[in-house]
C-alpha cells in the first residue's frame, strides 16, 4: 500500500494505491491523519481520499477512516471518498460507510 498527497487550490487529495489490510492499515491511518493536518494547516476544508487504485480495504482500514473522520470533524475538514472500484463500493455499502462519507465518482479539486 502506498499513499501520495497532493495539495490543490481548494482541497488536499490523498491517493491510496494497493491494499489496506492487516499489514498496511497503520501506514494508511498515519497517511490519513497527516492529510487531515495538512488540510487544516493550509486552511483547506476538504480532504479527498482517492480510492481509484485501491484494490481492497479490511475492517482495520475502515476503522482508520472512522478515526480520521473524527479528527477531520474537529479540524473543520470534510472527508470525501472518490473513485472507488466495484469491490470498494461494495465494501463501503456493506459497512454503511457510504452513508458516513460523501462518495464521488471523481477526485476533483482545483489545481
C-alpha atoms as a PDB file:
ATOM      1  CA  UNK A   1       0.000   0.000   0.000  1.00  0.00           C
ATOM      2  CA  UNK A   2       1.218   3.444  -0.872  1.00  0.00           C
ATOM      3  CA  UNK A   3      -0.227   6.898  -0.224  1.00  0.00           C
ATOM      4  CA  UNK A   4       0.625  10.081  -2.081  1.00  0.00           C
ATOM      5  CA  UNK A   5      -0.501  13.547  -1.083  1.00  0.00           C
ATOM      6  CA  UNK A   6      -1.383  16.378  -3.451  1.00  0.00           C
ATOM      7  CA  UNK A   7      -2.425  19.855  -2.401  1.00  0.00           C
ATOM      8  CA  UNK A   8      -4.871  21.565  -4.713  1.00  0.00           C
ATOM      9  CA  UNK A   9      -6.264  25.067  -4.601  1.00  0.00           C
ATOM     10  CA  UNK A  10      -9.321  24.017  -2.587  1.00  0.00           C
ATOM     11  CA  UNK A  11      -8.563  20.508  -1.300  1.00  0.00           C
ATOM     12  CA  UNK A  12      -5.933  18.026  -0.225  1.00  0.00           C
ATOM     13  CA  UNK A  13      -6.036  14.769  -2.196  1.00  0.00           C
ATOM     14  CA  UNK A  14      -4.718  11.555  -0.668  1.00  0.00           C
ATOM     15  CA  UNK A  15      -4.249   8.870  -3.324  1.00  0.00           C
ATOM     16  CA  UNK A  16      -4.249   5.341  -1.947  1.00  0.00           C
ATOM     17  CA  UNK A  17      -2.696   2.571  -4.034  1.00  0.00           C
ATOM     18  CA  UNK A  18      -2.770  -1.181  -3.405  1.00  0.00           C
ATOM     19  CA  UNK A  19      -4.486  -2.854  -0.435  1.00  0.00           C
ATOM     20  CA  UNK A  20      -5.278  -1.653   3.058  1.00  0.00           C
ATOM     21  CA  UNK A  21      -5.153  -4.787   5.186  1.00  0.00           C
ATOM     22  CA  UNK A  22      -3.673  -6.128   8.419  1.00  0.00           C
ATOM     23  CA  UNK A  23      -0.132  -5.361   7.246  1.00  0.00           C
ATOM     24  CA  UNK A  24      -0.757  -1.853   5.890  1.00  0.00           C
ATOM     25  CA  UNK A  25      -3.604  -0.286   7.871  1.00  0.00           C
ATOM     26  CA  UNK A  26      -1.271   1.571  10.232  1.00  0.00           C
ATOM     27  CA  UNK A  27       0.506   3.329   7.348  1.00  0.00           C
ATOM     28  CA  UNK A  28      -2.890   4.181   5.877  1.00  0.00           C
ATOM     29  CA  UNK A  29      -4.022   5.598   9.211  1.00  0.00           C
ATOM     30  CA  UNK A  30      -0.882   7.717   9.508  1.00  0.00           C
ATOM     31  CA  UNK A  31      -1.357   8.960   5.937  1.00  0.00           C
ATOM     32  CA  UNK A  32      -4.944   9.958   6.673  1.00  0.00           C
ATOM     33  CA  UNK A  33      -4.025  11.786   9.876  1.00  0.00           C
ATOM     34  CA  UNK A  34      -1.221  13.603   8.094  1.00  0.00           C
ATOM     35  CA  UNK A  35      -3.566  14.609   5.276  1.00  0.00           C
ATOM     36  CA  UNK A  36      -6.117  15.984   7.765  1.00  0.00           C
ATOM     37  CA  UNK A  37      -3.374  18.016   9.492  1.00  0.00           C
ATOM     38  CA  UNK A  38      -2.091  19.218   6.121  1.00  0.00           C
ATOM     39  CA  UNK A  39      -5.559  20.395   5.063  1.00  0.00           C
ATOM     40  CA  UNK A  40      -6.122  22.141   8.396  1.00  0.00           C
ATOM     41  CA  UNK A  41      -2.706  23.804   8.373  1.00  0.00           C
ATOM     42  CA  UNK A  42      -3.216  25.025   4.784  1.00  0.00           C
ATOM     43  CA  UNK A  43      -6.624  26.450   5.667  1.00  0.00           C
ATOM     44  CA  UNK A  44      -8.453  23.977   3.417  1.00  0.00           C
ATOM     45  CA  UNK A  45     -11.758  22.426   4.399  1.00  0.00           C
ATOM     46  CA  UNK A  46     -11.739  19.437   2.034  1.00  0.00           C
ATOM     47  CA  UNK A  47      -9.813  16.174   2.045  1.00  0.00           C
ATOM     48  CA  UNK A  48     -10.458  13.867  -0.891  1.00  0.00           C
ATOM     49  CA  UNK A  49      -9.358  10.260  -0.426  1.00  0.00           C
ATOM     50  CA  UNK A  50      -8.844   8.941  -3.962  1.00  0.00           C
ATOM     51  CA  UNK A  51      -9.634   5.217  -3.964  1.00  0.00           C
ATOM     52  CA  UNK A  52      -9.275   4.658  -7.710  1.00  0.00           C
ATOM     53  CA  UNK A  53      -6.184   2.463  -7.333  1.00  0.00           C
ATOM     54  CA  UNK A  54      -7.206   0.800  -4.080  1.00  0.00           C
ATOM     55  CA  UNK A  55      -7.999  -2.877  -4.583  1.00  0.00           C
ATOM     56  CA  UNK A  56      -9.239  -3.781  -1.082  1.00  0.00           C
ATOM     57  CA  UNK A  57      -9.769  -2.417   2.424  1.00  0.00           C
ATOM     58  CA  UNK A  58     -10.106  -4.514   5.578  1.00  0.00           C
ATOM     59  CA  UNK A  59     -12.038  -3.594   8.707  1.00  0.00           C
ATOM     60  CA  UNK A  60      -8.858  -2.054  10.113  1.00  0.00           C
ATOM     61  CA  UNK A  61      -8.789   0.336   7.168  1.00  0.00           C
ATOM     62  CA  UNK A  62     -12.421   1.221   7.809  1.00  0.00           C
ATOM     63  CA  UNK A  63     -11.534   1.901  11.440  1.00  0.00           C
ATOM     64  CA  UNK A  64      -8.723   4.202  10.264  1.00  0.00           C
ATOM     65  CA  UNK A  65     -11.302   6.106   8.209  1.00  0.00           C
ATOM     66  CA  UNK A  66     -13.515   6.444  11.296  1.00  0.00           C
ATOM     67  CA  UNK A  67     -10.648   7.846  13.369  1.00  0.00           C
ATOM     68  CA  UNK A  68      -9.671  10.221  10.555  1.00  0.00           C
ATOM     69  CA  UNK A  69     -13.274  11.431  10.266  1.00  0.00           C
ATOM     70  CA  UNK A  70     -13.294  12.273  13.968  1.00  0.00           C
ATOM     71  CA  UNK A  71     -10.002  14.164  13.607  1.00  0.00           C
ATOM     72  CA  UNK A  72     -11.257  15.926  10.482  1.00  0.00           C
ATOM     73  CA  UNK A  73     -14.520  16.971  12.116  1.00  0.00           C
ATOM     74  CA  UNK A  74     -12.553  18.537  14.991  1.00  0.00           C
ATOM     75  CA  UNK A  75     -10.299  20.330  12.471  1.00  0.00           C
ATOM     76  CA  UNK A  76     -13.182  21.596  10.319  1.00  0.00           C
ATOM     77  CA  UNK A  77     -12.191  19.391   7.385  1.00  0.00           C
ATOM     78  CA  UNK A  78     -14.700  17.382   5.341  1.00  0.00           C
ATOM     79  CA  UNK A  79     -13.507  13.990   4.058  1.00  0.00           C
ATOM     80  CA  UNK A  80     -14.936  12.558   0.850  1.00  0.00           C
ATOM     81  CA  UNK A  81     -14.114   9.222  -0.771  1.00  0.00           C
ATOM     82  CA  UNK A  82     -13.564   9.348  -4.527  1.00  0.00           C
ATOM     83  CA  UNK A  83     -13.457   6.902  -7.420  1.00  0.00           C
ATOM     84  CA  UNK A  84     -13.972   3.584  -5.612  1.00  0.00           C
ATOM     85  CA  UNK A  85     -13.920   0.495  -7.819  1.00  0.00           C
ATOM     86  CA  UNK A  86     -16.765  -2.040  -7.665  1.00  0.00           C
ATOM     87  CA  UNK A  87     -15.174  -4.031  -4.825  1.00  0.00           C
ATOM     88  CA  UNK A  88     -14.625  -0.885  -2.754  1.00  0.00           C
ATOM     89  CA  UNK A  89     -18.156   0.356  -3.488  1.00  0.00           C
ATOM     90  CA  UNK A  90     -19.488  -2.934  -2.126  1.00  0.00           C
ATOM     91  CA  UNK A  91     -17.291  -2.711   0.988  1.00  0.00           C
ATOM     92  CA  UNK A  92     -18.446   0.869   1.585  1.00  0.00           C
ATOM     93  CA  UNK A  93     -22.096  -0.113   1.106  1.00  0.00           C
ATOM     94  CA  UNK A  94     -21.967  -3.199   3.335  1.00  0.00           C
ATOM     95  CA  UNK A  95     -20.227  -1.263   6.105  1.00  0.00           C
ATOM     96  CA  UNK A  96     -22.579   1.713   5.523  1.00  0.00           C
ATOM     97  CA  UNK A  97     -19.569   3.996   5.115  1.00  0.00           C
ATOM     98  CA  UNK A  98     -21.296   5.296   2.000  1.00  0.00           C
ATOM     99  CA  UNK A  99     -23.715   6.916   4.478  1.00  0.00           C
ATOM    100  CA  UNK A 100     -20.949   8.245   6.734  1.00  0.00           C
ATOM    101  CA  UNK A 101     -18.859   9.775   3.924  1.00  0.00           C
ATOM    102  CA  UNK A 102     -19.682  11.501   0.664  1.00  0.00           C
ATOM    103  CA  UNK A 103     -18.690   9.115  -2.147  1.00  0.00           C
ATOM    104  CA  UNK A 104     -17.964  10.641  -5.556  1.00  0.00           C
ATOM    105  CA  UNK A 105     -17.078   9.227  -8.958  1.00  0.00           C
ATOM    106  CA  UNK A 106     -14.089  11.533  -9.440  1.00  0.00           C
ATOM    107  CA  UNK A 107     -11.389  13.100  -7.287  1.00  0.00           C
ATOM    108  CA  UNK A 108     -11.718  16.665  -8.476  1.00  0.00           C
ATOM    109  CA  UNK A 109     -10.120  19.650  -6.850  1.00  0.00           C
ATOM    110  CA  UNK A 110      -8.991  22.973  -8.239  1.00  0.00           C
ATOM    111  CA  UNK A 111      -5.313  22.824  -9.121  1.00  0.00           C
END
